[in-house]
Amino acid sequence: MTKKEKEADQLITQIIKGIDEVKGQSVEVLDLREIENTVCDYFIICNGTSNTQVNAIVNSIQKLVSKSLKEKPWHVEGNSNAEWVLLDYVNIVVHVFQKHIREFYDIEGLWGDAKFLKIETTI
């Protein structure tokens, strides 16, 4: 395992832990590495039940990643309405949706060629 792969695994683990701590739902990791011209290596997608929970998930991820790996997202978008918040960690992009917004945009359907990994959470 290369250093880059190890760092990605650590980041993915901390992101999922952050999602799980505030009961984020339907967590999926999309491995995009074998698809040409992608913007990153992985998407992590989850959803919450309200604006408040979406914000809690985002804050939990940022806090855990910052504390354990000393990393901050390169860019955060969508915090103002908390329907779809994107956390860009360069090689890993996290999408935190409200359920109805996730269903509408169907990111998983758009990236059907990706390898999917469904994550079991504590709920």
C-alpha atoms as a PDB file:
ATOM      1  CA  MET A   1       0.000   0.000   0.000  1.00  0.00           C
ATOM      2  CA  THR A   2       1.406   3.357  -1.020  1.00  0.00           C
ATOM      3  CA  LYS A   3       1.590   6.357   1.298  1.00  0.00           C
ATOM      4  CA  LYS A   4      -1.191   8.072  -0.696  1.00  0.00           C
ATOM      5  CA  GLU A   5      -3.470   5.009  -0.351  1.00  0.00           C
ATOM      6  CA  LYS A   6      -2.763   4.757   3.370  1.00  0.00           C
ATOM      7  CA  GLU A   7      -3.568   8.452   3.879  1.00  0.00           C
ATOM      8  CA  ALA A   8      -6.781   8.060   1.858  1.00  0.00           C
ATOM      9  CA  ASP A   9      -7.807   5.036   3.969  1.00  0.00           C
ATOM     10  CA  GLN A  10      -7.183   6.991   7.180  1.00  0.00           C
ATOM     11  CA  LEU A  11      -9.182   9.955   5.916  1.00  0.00           C
ATOM     12  CA  ILE A  12     -12.075   7.751   4.761  1.00  0.00           C
ATOM     13  CA  THR A  13     -12.116   6.009   8.162  1.00  0.00           C
ATOM     14  CA  GLN A  14     -12.271   9.314  10.053  1.00  0.00           C
ATOM     15  CA  ILE A  15     -14.956  10.730   7.756  1.00  0.00           C
ATOM     16  CA  ILE A  16     -17.128   7.642   8.234  1.00  0.00           C
ATOM     17  CA  LYS A  17     -16.560   7.791  11.982  1.00  0.00           C
ATOM     18  CA  GLY A  18     -17.669  11.453  11.949  1.00  0.00           C
ATOM     19  CA  ILE A  19     -20.821  10.543  10.024  1.00  0.00           C
ATOM     20  CA  ASP A  20     -21.574   7.629  12.330  1.00  0.00           C
ATOM     21  CA  GLU A  21     -21.136   9.684  15.517  1.00  0.00           C
ATOM     22  CA  VAL A  22     -24.157  11.833  14.668  1.00  0.00           C
ATOM     23  CA  LYS A  23     -26.168   9.015  13.084  1.00  0.00           C
ATOM     24  CA  GLY A  24     -25.769   9.936   9.429  1.00  0.00           C
ATOM     25  CA  GLN A  25     -27.681   7.532   7.195  1.00  0.00           C
ATOM     26  CA  SER A  26     -27.122   5.490   4.029  1.00  0.00           C
ATOM     27  CA  VAL A  27     -23.347   5.915   3.900  1.00  0.00           C
ATOM     28  CA  GLU A  28     -21.710   4.881   0.636  1.00  0.00           C
ATOM     29  CA  VAL A  29     -18.153   5.149  -0.630  1.00  0.00           C
ATOM     30  CA  LEU A  30     -17.728   5.403  -4.396  1.00  0.00           C
ATOM     31  CA  ASP A  31     -14.272   4.445  -5.657  1.00  0.00           C
ATOM     32  CA  LEU A  32     -13.684   6.539  -8.770  1.00  0.00           C
ATOM     33  CA  ARG A  33     -10.020   5.683  -9.336  1.00  0.00           C
ATOM     34  CA  GLU A  34     -10.607   3.456 -12.367  1.00  0.00           C
ATOM     35  CA  ILE A  35     -12.822   5.975 -14.157  1.00  0.00           C
ATOM     36  CA  GLU A  36     -11.123   8.383 -16.543  1.00  0.00           C
ATOM     37  CA  ASN A  37     -11.157  12.157 -15.971  1.00  0.00           C
ATOM     38  CA  THR A  38     -12.625  12.187 -12.481  1.00  0.00           C
ATOM     39  CA  VAL A  39     -12.171  15.141 -10.161  1.00  0.00           C
ATOM     40  CA  CYS A  40     -11.154  12.993  -7.196  1.00  0.00           C
ATOM     41  CA  ASP A  41     -10.467   9.390  -6.131  1.00  0.00           C
ATOM     42  CA  TYR A  42     -13.476   8.860  -3.851  1.00  0.00           C
ATOM     43  CA  PHE A  43     -16.928  10.210  -3.124  1.00  0.00           C
ATOM     44  CA  ILE A  44     -18.418   9.577   0.279  1.00  0.00           C
ATOM     45  CA  ILE A  45     -22.164  10.106   0.285  1.00  0.00           C
ATOM     46  CA  CYS A  46     -24.579  10.143   3.202  1.00  0.00           C
ATOM     47  CA  ASN A  47     -27.754  11.832   4.286  1.00  0.00           C
ATOM     48  CA  GLY A  48     -29.377  13.355   7.319  1.00  0.00           C
ATOM     49  CA  THR A  49     -33.010  13.945   8.189  1.00  0.00           C
ATOM     50  CA  SER A  50     -32.958  17.747   8.589  1.00  0.00           C
ATOM     51  CA  ASN A  51     -30.856  20.879   8.110  1.00  0.00           C
ATOM     52  CA  THR A  52     -29.776  20.544  11.729  1.00  0.00           C
ATOM     53  CA  GLN A  53     -28.565  16.965  11.281  1.00  0.00           C
ATOM     54  CA  VAL A  54     -26.797  17.769   7.988  1.00  0.00           C
ATOM     55  CA  ASN A  55     -24.921  20.563   9.784  1.00  0.00           C
ATOM     56  CA  ALA A  56     -24.145  18.233  12.698  1.00  0.00           C
ATOM     57  CA  ILE A  57     -22.714  15.611  10.305  1.00  0.00           C
ATOM     58  CA  VAL A  58     -20.554  18.209   8.552  1.00  0.00           C
ATOM     59  CA  ASN A  59     -19.285  19.609  11.861  1.00  0.00           C
ATOM     60  CA  SER A  60     -18.595  16.123  13.218  1.00  0.00           C
ATOM     61  CA  ILE A  61     -16.564  15.172  10.121  1.00  0.00           C
ATOM     62  CA  GLN A  62     -14.539  18.398  10.210  1.00  0.00           C
ATOM     63  CA  LYS A  63     -13.861  18.119  13.936  1.00  0.00           C
ATOM     64  CA  LEU A  64     -12.776  14.462  13.815  1.00  0.00           C
ATOM     65  CA  VAL A  65     -10.596  14.838  10.717  1.00  0.00           C
ATOM     66  CA  SER A  66      -8.982  17.996  12.071  1.00  0.00           C
ATOM     67  CA  LYS A  67      -8.320  16.446  15.485  1.00  0.00           C
ATOM     68  CA  SER A  68      -7.035  13.053  14.305  1.00  0.00           C
ATOM     69  CA  LEU A  69      -5.310  13.876  11.000  1.00  0.00           C
ATOM     70  CA  LYS A  70      -4.695  17.641  11.276  1.00  0.00           C
ATOM     71  CA  GLU A  71      -6.483  18.155   7.952  1.00  0.00           C
ATOM     72  CA  LYS A  72      -9.075  20.714   6.956  1.00  0.00           C
ATOM     73  CA  PRO A  73     -11.230  20.592   3.839  1.00  0.00           C
ATOM     74  CA  TRP A  74      -9.826  22.511   0.904  1.00  0.00           C
ATOM     75  CA  HIS A  75     -13.326  23.835   0.192  1.00  0.00           C
ATOM     76  CA  VAL A  76     -16.793  23.627   1.789  1.00  0.00           C
ATOM     77  CA  GLU A  77     -19.946  24.483  -0.117  1.00  0.00           C
ATOM     78  CA  GLY A  78     -23.646  24.505   0.752  1.00  0.00           C
ATOM     79  CA  ASN A  79     -23.493  25.272   4.480  1.00  0.00           C
ATOM     80  CA  SER A  80     -25.970  28.132   4.206  1.00  0.00           C
ATOM     81  CA  ASN A  81     -29.043  26.026   3.398  1.00  0.00           C
ATOM     82  CA  ALA A  82     -27.743  22.628   4.598  1.00  0.00           C
ATOM     83  CA  GLU A  83     -29.628  20.639   1.977  1.00  0.00           C
ATOM     84  CA  TRP A  84     -26.476  19.453   0.193  1.00  0.00           C
ATOM     85  CA  VAL A  85     -23.134  20.231   1.777  1.00  0.00           C
ATOM     86  CA  LEU A  86     -19.953  19.324  -0.059  1.00  0.00           C
ATOM     87  CA  LEU A  87     -16.648  18.896   1.796  1.00  0.00           C
ATOM     88  CA  ASP A  88     -13.691  18.798  -0.586  1.00  0.00           C
ATOM     89  CA  TYR A  89     -10.616  17.073   0.828  1.00  0.00           C
ATOM     90  CA  VAL A  90      -9.033  17.127  -2.683  1.00  0.00           C
ATOM     91  CA  ASN A  91      -8.815  13.350  -3.341  1.00  0.00           C
ATOM     92  CA  ILE A  92     -11.945  12.635  -1.316  1.00  0.00           C
ATOM     93  CA  VAL A  93     -15.167  14.606  -1.707  1.00  0.00           C
ATOM     94  CA  VAL A  94     -17.910  14.179   0.883  1.00  0.00           C
ATOM     95  CA  HIS A  95     -21.546  14.849  -0.028  1.00  0.00           C
ATOM     96  CA  VAL A  96     -23.918  15.282   2.917  1.00  0.00           C
ATOM     97  CA  PHE A  97     -27.527  15.494   1.741  1.00  0.00           C
ATOM     98  CA  GLN A  98     -30.992  15.748   3.106  1.00  0.00           C
ATOM     99  CA  LYS A  99     -32.699  12.550   1.965  1.00  0.00           C
ATOM    100  CA  HIS A 100     -35.071  14.103  -0.606  1.00  0.00           C
ATOM    101  CA  ILE A 101     -32.244  16.121  -2.183  1.00  0.00           C
ATOM    102  CA  ARG A 102     -30.056  13.012  -2.412  1.00  0.00           C
ATOM    103  CA  GLU A 103     -32.846  11.117  -4.159  1.00  0.00           C
ATOM    104  CA  PHE A 104     -33.437  14.004  -6.574  1.00  0.00           C
ATOM    105  CA  TYR A 105     -29.804  14.376  -7.685  1.00  0.00           C
ATOM    106  CA  ASP A 106     -28.994  10.629  -7.602  1.00  0.00           C
ATOM    107  CA  ILE A 107     -25.206  11.013  -7.516  1.00  0.00           C
ATOM    108  CA  GLU A 108     -24.850   7.229  -7.303  1.00  0.00           C
ATOM    109  CA  GLY A 109     -26.758   6.854 -10.570  1.00  0.00           C
ATOM    110  CA  LEU A 110     -24.580   9.428 -12.302  1.00  0.00           C
ATOM    111  CA  TRP A 111     -21.448   7.541 -11.258  1.00  0.00           C
ATOM    112  CA  GLY A 112     -22.755   4.064 -12.049  1.00  0.00           C
ATOM    113  CA  ASP A 113     -19.326   2.906 -13.282  1.00  0.00           C
ATOM    114  CA  ALA A 114     -17.774   3.451  -9.841  1.00  0.00           C
ATOM    115  CA  LYS A 115     -17.129   0.678  -7.344  1.00  0.00           C
ATOM    116  CA  PHE A 116     -19.678   1.045  -4.529  1.00  0.00           C
ATOM    117  CA  LEU A 117     -19.088   0.204  -0.898  1.00  0.00           C
ATOM    118  CA  LYS A 118     -22.110   0.482   1.396  1.00  0.00           C
ATOM    119  CA  ILE A 119     -21.081   1.224   4.966  1.00  0.00           C
ATOM    120  CA  GLU A 120     -23.048  -0.243   7.858  1.00  0.00           C
ATOM    121  CA  THR A 121     -23.622   2.378  10.544  1.00  0.00           C
ATOM    122  CA  THR A 122     -24.707   2.066  14.155  1.00  0.00           C
ATOM    123  CA  ILE A 123     -28.341   3.047  13.528  1.00  0.00           C
END
